[in-house]
């Protein structure tokens, strides 16, 4: 007799993040940010504190954009392996616009693109741990983001990607996002890109 191998389907779910997810959130946003988060956190570190520890501390707050309260975790059979960090963007104030001139060149293109998507449900970070990719988890998280956007009363979503990361751009395009704007970025030792940051949006069907 020929043995027939049985495969058990993985159970993929999305749940709200908790404060216990803070350390994993720091690891995932560093993946999504391609080096920028670690650079930023290194400037905030207390003596003896690593950048990832700074990130975990900040993710554990109940306020601020990078907070577990704004995150959803993708799980496989109950194990958290991915994250969507997203929240509504307000309309930039006159002060926000005026302060762009004082924004460090590394961050200025990214902030400028944020200002182009007022009222959107902004995906600040989407990431899945190595070893858990190519299993559809990115799509599961993006679908959850649509439901979150609806619940927040947003009519569209926005996200940024790097032009030199075509895999990310293709993922968003498969889920209905289109490139609507771009800014040249400033090369920096903390990350591997030196071309454009792109803003992508998609409408929410009612």
Protein backbone atom coordinates (compact mmCIF):
# COMPACT_ATOMS: atom_id res chain seq x y z
CA UNK A 1 0.00 0.00 0.00
CA UNK A 2 1.13 3.53 -0.73
CA UNK A 3 1.10 5.82 2.27
CA UNK A 4 -0.74 9.06 1.68
CA UNK A 5 0.79 12.02 3.44
CA UNK A 6 -1.74 14.17 5.27
CA UNK A 7 -1.21 17.89 5.50
CA UNK A 8 -2.82 19.98 8.19
CA UNK A 9 -3.83 23.46 7.07
CA UNK A 10 -2.27 26.24 9.07
CA UNK A 11 -4.75 28.38 10.98
CA UNK A 12 -4.06 32.02 10.12
CA UNK A 13 -5.68 34.69 12.24
CA UNK A 14 -5.30 38.38 12.99
CA UNK A 15 -5.77 39.75 16.49
CA UNK A 16 -5.20 43.09 18.21
CA UNK A 17 -1.70 43.49 19.58
CA UNK A 18 -1.16 43.50 23.34
CA UNK A 19 1.59 45.05 25.43
CA UNK A 20 3.18 41.59 25.58
CA UNK A 21 3.81 41.88 21.81
CA UNK A 22 5.99 44.99 22.23
CA UNK A 23 9.38 43.27 21.76
CA UNK A 24 8.18 41.44 18.64
CA UNK A 25 6.67 44.66 17.31
CA UNK A 26 10.07 46.34 17.59
CA UNK A 27 11.66 43.51 15.62
CA UNK A 28 8.97 43.67 12.95
CA UNK A 29 9.00 47.43 12.49
CA UNK A 30 12.76 47.28 12.09
CA UNK A 31 12.21 44.78 9.25
CA UNK A 32 9.60 47.06 7.66
CA UNK A 33 11.72 50.19 8.13
CA UNK A 34 14.84 48.68 6.55
CA UNK A 35 17.19 50.13 9.19
CA UNK A 36 15.56 53.50 9.87
CA UNK A 37 13.93 52.47 13.19
CA UNK A 38 17.19 51.16 14.66
CA UNK A 39 18.95 54.37 13.63
CA UNK A 40 16.23 56.48 15.25
CA UNK A 41 16.09 54.38 18.42
CA UNK A 42 19.86 54.51 18.79
CA UNK A 43 19.54 58.28 19.26
CA UNK A 44 17.03 57.74 22.09
CA UNK A 45 18.77 54.95 23.99
CA UNK A 46 19.55 55.29 27.68
CA UNK A 47 22.98 54.10 28.85
CA UNK A 48 23.19 50.33 28.38
CA UNK A 49 19.95 50.17 26.38
CA UNK A 50 19.93 48.61 22.91
CA UNK A 51 17.97 50.12 20.01
CA UNK A 52 15.54 47.18 20.00
CA UNK A 53 14.94 47.66 23.72
CA UNK A 54 14.09 51.29 22.99
CA UNK A 55 11.69 50.12 20.29
CA UNK A 56 10.03 47.64 22.64
CA UNK A 57 9.68 50.32 25.31
CA UNK A 58 8.02 52.66 22.84
CA UNK A 59 5.76 49.95 21.40
CA UNK A 60 4.54 49.23 24.93
CA UNK A 61 3.15 52.74 25.36
CA UNK A 62 -0.58 53.37 25.15
CA UNK A 63 -0.05 56.64 23.27
CA UNK A 64 1.88 57.66 20.17
CA UNK A 65 1.71 56.32 16.64
CA UNK A 66 4.14 53.46 17.35
CA UNK A 67 2.03 51.82 20.06
CA UNK A 68 0.60 48.36 20.46
CA UNK A 69 -2.83 50.03 20.50
CA UNK A 70 -2.42 50.74 16.76
CA UNK A 71 -1.21 47.27 15.78
CA UNK A 72 -2.69 44.00 14.62
CA UNK A 73 -0.74 40.76 14.85
CA UNK A 74 -0.89 37.94 12.31
CA UNK A 75 -0.73 34.51 13.93
CA UNK A 76 -0.19 31.01 12.59
CA UNK A 77 -1.65 28.34 14.86
CA UNK A 78 -1.65 30.94 17.61
CA UNK A 79 1.98 32.06 17.18
CA UNK A 80 2.41 35.77 16.36
CA UNK A 81 4.63 36.14 13.29
CA UNK A 82 3.57 39.36 11.56
CA UNK A 83 2.28 42.85 12.21
CA UNK A 84 0.24 45.63 10.67
CA UNK A 85 0.74 49.03 12.32
CA UNK A 86 -1.82 51.54 11.07
CA UNK A 87 -3.88 54.54 12.13
CA UNK A 88 -5.83 57.46 10.64
CA UNK A 89 -3.82 60.44 9.40
CA UNK A 90 -5.07 63.90 10.26
CA UNK A 91 -4.76 66.96 8.06
CA UNK A 92 -1.33 68.53 8.59
CA UNK A 93 -1.51 71.85 10.43
CA UNK A 94 0.24 75.01 9.32
CA UNK A 95 2.81 74.32 12.02
CA UNK A 96 3.38 70.78 10.69
CA UNK A 97 4.08 72.20 7.24
CA UNK A 98 6.33 74.94 8.60
CA UNK A 99 8.34 72.40 10.59
CA UNK A 100 9.19 70.41 7.47
CA UNK A 101 12.20 72.64 6.93
CA UNK A 102 13.57 71.52 10.29
CA UNK A 103 12.88 67.82 9.66
CA UNK A 104 16.13 65.84 9.18
CA UNK A 105 16.73 65.07 5.47
CA UNK A 106 16.48 61.31 6.13
CA UNK A 107 12.85 61.66 7.27
CA UNK A 108 11.65 64.66 5.28
CA UNK A 109 10.52 62.79 2.11
CA UNK A 110 8.55 60.32 4.23
CA UNK A 111 6.82 63.08 6.19
CA UNK A 112 6.07 64.98 2.97
CA UNK A 113 4.34 61.91 1.56
CA UNK A 114 2.33 61.44 4.75
CA UNK A 115 1.06 64.98 4.30
CA UNK A 116 -0.28 64.00 0.86
CA UNK A 117 -2.75 61.50 2.35
CA UNK A 118 -4.84 63.36 4.94
CA UNK A 119 -7.80 61.41 6.24
CA UNK A 120 -6.42 58.08 5.07
CA UNK A 121 -5.90 55.00 7.20
CA UNK A 122 -2.13 55.00 7.04
CA UNK A 123 -0.21 51.72 7.07
CA UNK A 124 2.95 52.72 8.88
CA UNK A 125 4.43 49.22 8.84
CA UNK A 126 3.64 45.77 7.47
CA UNK A 127 6.09 42.98 8.18
CA UNK A 128 6.31 39.21 8.60
CA UNK A 129 9.17 37.37 10.26
CA UNK A 130 11.68 35.55 8.02
CA UNK A 131 10.65 31.93 7.68
CA UNK A 132 6.96 32.81 7.70
CA UNK A 133 6.79 34.68 4.41
CA UNK A 134 5.13 33.54 1.18
CA UNK A 135 2.21 32.08 3.14
CA UNK A 136 -0.31 34.80 2.39
CA UNK A 137 0.08 36.56 5.73
CA UNK A 138 0.70 39.95 4.14
CA UNK A 139 -2.63 39.71 2.37
CA UNK A 140 -4.39 38.60 5.55
CA UNK A 141 -3.03 41.66 7.35
CA UNK A 142 -3.96 44.01 4.51
CA UNK A 143 -7.53 42.66 4.53
CA UNK A 144 -7.68 43.28 8.28
CA UNK A 145 -6.45 46.81 7.62
CA UNK A 146 -9.44 47.47 5.35
CA UNK A 147 -11.84 46.44 8.12
CA UNK A 148 -9.98 48.62 10.61
CA UNK A 149 -10.14 51.57 8.21
CA UNK A 150 -13.89 51.14 7.81
CA UNK A 151 -14.33 50.99 11.58
CA UNK A 152 -12.38 54.26 11.92
CA UNK A 153 -14.54 55.96 9.29
CA UNK A 154 -11.77 56.30 6.68
CA UNK A 155 -12.64 56.13 2.99
CA UNK A 156 -9.20 55.14 1.74
CA UNK A 157 -5.88 53.67 2.86
CA UNK A 158 -2.32 54.79 2.23
CA UNK A 159 1.10 53.20 2.54
CA UNK A 160 4.67 54.04 1.62
CA UNK A 161 7.20 51.77 -0.03
CA UNK A 162 10.66 52.14 -1.53
CA UNK A 163 10.97 52.04 -5.31
CA UNK A 164 13.88 49.61 -4.88
CA UNK A 165 11.65 47.14 -3.04
CA UNK A 166 9.54 45.80 -5.93
CA UNK A 167 8.22 42.85 -3.93
CA UNK A 168 6.48 45.20 -1.50
CA UNK A 169 5.11 47.33 -4.32
CA UNK A 170 3.73 44.26 -6.11
CA UNK A 171 2.08 43.05 -2.91
CA UNK A 172 0.25 46.34 -2.47
CA UNK A 173 -0.68 46.50 -6.14
CA UNK A 174 -2.21 43.02 -5.93
CA UNK A 175 -4.41 44.37 -3.15
CA UNK A 176 -5.63 47.38 -5.08
CA UNK A 177 -3.06 50.04 -4.19
CA UNK A 178 -1.75 52.45 -6.82
CA UNK A 179 1.28 54.73 -6.78
CA UNK A 180 0.03 58.31 -6.52
CA UNK A 181 3.14 60.27 -5.52
CA UNK A 182 6.85 59.88 -4.87
CA UNK A 183 9.80 61.71 -3.37
CA UNK A 184 13.54 61.22 -3.87
CA UNK A 185 15.14 59.95 -0.70
CA UNK A 186 18.45 60.88 0.81
CA UNK A 187 21.01 58.07 0.85
CA UNK A 188 22.02 57.15 4.38
CA UNK A 189 24.24 54.41 5.87
CA UNK A 190 21.33 53.08 7.96
CA UNK A 191 19.39 51.68 4.99
CA UNK A 192 20.08 50.26 1.53
CA UNK A 193 17.98 52.59 -0.64
CA UNK A 194 18.93 55.70 -2.59
CA UNK A 195 16.12 56.30 -5.12
CA UNK A 196 12.47 57.12 -4.30
CA UNK A 197 9.92 56.62 -1.59
CA UNK A 198 6.48 56.11 -3.15
CA UNK A 199 3.03 56.80 -1.76
CA UNK A 200 0.36 54.25 -2.63
CA UNK A 201 -3.36 54.47 -1.92
CA UNK A 202 -6.53 52.45 -2.41
CA UNK A 203 -10.17 53.35 -1.99
CA UNK A 204 -12.45 51.38 0.29
CA UNK A 205 -15.50 49.87 -1.35
CA UNK A 206 -18.66 50.52 0.63
